[in-house]
Amino acid sequence: MMDEETGAGFDEPLGLPKGSVRSLLSLGVMLGALAIALYLLAADTGSDLTKVVIGGWIAALGNVIGFYFGVRSR
């Protein structure tokens, strides 16, 4: 359903354009991961926990990017 005056859709979450909520959630997750990574690096760069956590995030991000572009290429 559309608002006649503004043209905004009532069916979209929070009344935002399609994909906006997904984008905001993705941005929030990435900023949170960056904040934690920076904290771990500032606290102790040589700890095993820092290496495991940051390595896992890099691997997960690589999987997400690969899946995104792999699906879009079809």
C-alpha atoms as a PDB file:
ATOM      1  CA  MET A   1       0.000   0.000   0.000  1.00  0.00           C
ATOM      2  CA  MET A   2       1.318   3.481  -0.815  1.00  0.00           C
ATOM      3  CA  ASP A   3       0.775   6.808   0.901  1.00  0.00           C
ATOM      4  CA  GLU A   4      -0.731   9.126  -1.706  1.00  0.00           C
ATOM      5  CA  GLU A   5       1.012  12.275  -0.421  1.00  0.00           C
ATOM      6  CA  THR A   6       4.557  11.034   0.233  1.00  0.00           C
ATOM      7  CA  GLY A   7       4.702   7.920  -1.933  1.00  0.00           C
ATOM      8  CA  ALA A   8       6.123   5.950   0.998  1.00  0.00           C
ATOM      9  CA  GLY A   9       5.198   2.296   1.288  1.00  0.00           C
ATOM     10  CA  PHE A  10       3.401   1.183   4.444  1.00  0.00           C
ATOM     11  CA  ASP A  11       4.425  -2.434   3.918  1.00  0.00           C
ATOM     12  CA  GLU A  12       8.166  -1.799   4.382  1.00  0.00           C
ATOM     13  CA  PRO A  13       9.764  -2.098   7.848  1.00  0.00           C
ATOM     14  CA  LEU A  14       9.924   1.238   9.679  1.00  0.00           C
ATOM     15  CA  GLY A  15       8.515   2.926   6.579  1.00  0.00           C
ATOM     16  CA  LEU A  16      12.002   3.005   5.011  1.00  0.00           C
ATOM     17  CA  PRO A  17      12.834   2.164   1.394  1.00  0.00           C
ATOM     18  CA  LYS A  18      13.283  -1.514   0.546  1.00  0.00           C
ATOM     19  CA  GLY A  19      16.648  -2.866   1.749  1.00  0.00           C
ATOM     20  CA  SER A  20      17.340  -0.041   4.204  1.00  0.00           C
ATOM     21  CA  VAL A  21      16.795  -2.081   7.353  1.00  0.00           C
ATOM     22  CA  ARG A  22      19.024  -4.876   6.024  1.00  0.00           C
ATOM     23  CA  SER A  23      21.697  -2.314   5.203  1.00  0.00           C
ATOM     24  CA  LEU A  24      21.519  -0.754   8.659  1.00  0.00           C
ATOM     25  CA  LEU A  25      21.764  -4.164  10.341  1.00  0.00           C
ATOM     26  CA  SER A  26      24.758  -5.100   8.188  1.00  0.00           C
ATOM     27  CA  LEU A  27      26.459  -1.816   8.959  1.00  0.00           C
ATOM     28  CA  GLY A  28      25.818  -2.292  12.675  1.00  0.00           C
ATOM     29  CA  VAL A  29      27.277  -5.804  12.671  1.00  0.00           C
ATOM     30  CA  MET A  30      30.357  -4.654  10.763  1.00  0.00           C
ATOM     31  CA  LEU A  31      30.926  -1.678  13.078  1.00  0.00           C
ATOM     32  CA  GLY A  32      30.509  -3.922  16.117  1.00  0.00           C
ATOM     33  CA  ALA A  33      32.999  -6.446  14.751  1.00  0.00           C
ATOM     34  CA  LEU A  34      35.441  -3.647  13.946  1.00  0.00           C
ATOM     35  CA  ALA A  35      35.125  -2.209  17.461  1.00  0.00           C
ATOM     36  CA  ILE A  36      35.785  -5.600  19.062  1.00  0.00           C
ATOM     37  CA  ALA A  37      38.730  -6.273  16.735  1.00  0.00           C
ATOM     38  CA  LEU A  38      40.271  -2.886  17.512  1.00  0.00           C
ATOM     39  CA  TYR A  39      39.808  -3.486  21.238  1.00  0.00           C
ATOM     40  CA  LEU A  40      41.466  -6.903  21.027  1.00  0.00           C
ATOM     41  CA  LEU A  41      44.349  -5.503  18.988  1.00  0.00           C
ATOM     42  CA  ALA A  42      44.846  -2.583  21.380  1.00  0.00           C
ATOM     43  CA  ALA A  43      44.682  -4.802  24.480  1.00  0.00           C
ATOM     44  CA  ASP A  44      47.183  -7.473  23.380  1.00  0.00           C
ATOM     45  CA  THR A  45      48.228  -8.049  19.785  1.00  0.00           C
ATOM     46  CA  GLY A  46      50.096 -11.266  20.503  1.00  0.00           C
ATOM     47  CA  SER A  47      47.411 -13.211  22.347  1.00  0.00           C
ATOM     48  CA  ASP A  48      46.009 -16.390  20.866  1.00  0.00           C
ATOM     49  CA  LEU A  49      42.444 -15.163  21.413  1.00  0.00           C
ATOM     50  CA  THR A  50      43.085 -12.113  19.246  1.00  0.00           C
ATOM     51  CA  LYS A  51      44.532 -14.221  16.439  1.00  0.00           C
ATOM     52  CA  VAL A  52      41.678 -16.730  16.526  1.00  0.00           C
ATOM     53  CA  VAL A  53      38.883 -14.142  16.698  1.00  0.00           C
ATOM     54  CA  ILE A  54      40.237 -11.876  13.971  1.00  0.00           C
ATOM     55  CA  GLY A  55      41.132 -14.845  11.764  1.00  0.00           C
ATOM     56  CA  GLY A  56      37.611 -16.234  12.158  1.00  0.00           C
ATOM     57  CA  TRP A  57      36.045 -12.899  11.248  1.00  0.00           C
ATOM     58  CA  ILE A  58      38.212 -12.583   8.158  1.00  0.00           C
ATOM     59  CA  ALA A  59      37.231 -16.105   7.069  1.00  0.00           C
ATOM     60  CA  ALA A  60      33.526 -15.429   7.710  1.00  0.00           C
ATOM     61  CA  LEU A  61      33.661 -12.143   5.806  1.00  0.00           C
ATOM     62  CA  GLY A  62      35.377 -13.888   2.892  1.00  0.00           C
ATOM     63  CA  ASN A  63      32.622 -16.526   2.837  1.00  0.00           C
ATOM     64  CA  VAL A  64      29.893 -13.886   2.862  1.00  0.00           C
ATOM     65  CA  ILE A  65      31.512 -11.894   0.061  1.00  0.00           C
ATOM     66  CA  GLY A  66      32.113 -15.033  -2.004  1.00  0.00           C
ATOM     67  CA  PHE A  67      28.533 -16.210  -1.562  1.00  0.00           C
ATOM     68  CA  TYR A  68      27.137 -12.764  -2.409  1.00  0.00           C
ATOM     69  CA  PHE A  69      29.046 -12.437  -5.655  1.00  0.00           C
ATOM     70  CA  GLY A  70      28.603 -16.130  -6.502  1.00  0.00           C
ATOM     71  CA  VAL A  71      24.824 -15.874  -6.289  1.00  0.00           C
ATOM     72  CA  ARG A  72      24.712 -12.565  -8.166  1.00  0.00           C
ATOM     73  CA  SER A  73      26.693 -13.940 -11.115  1.00  0.00           C
ATOM     74  CA  ARG A  74      23.953 -16.418 -12.113  1.00  0.00           C
END
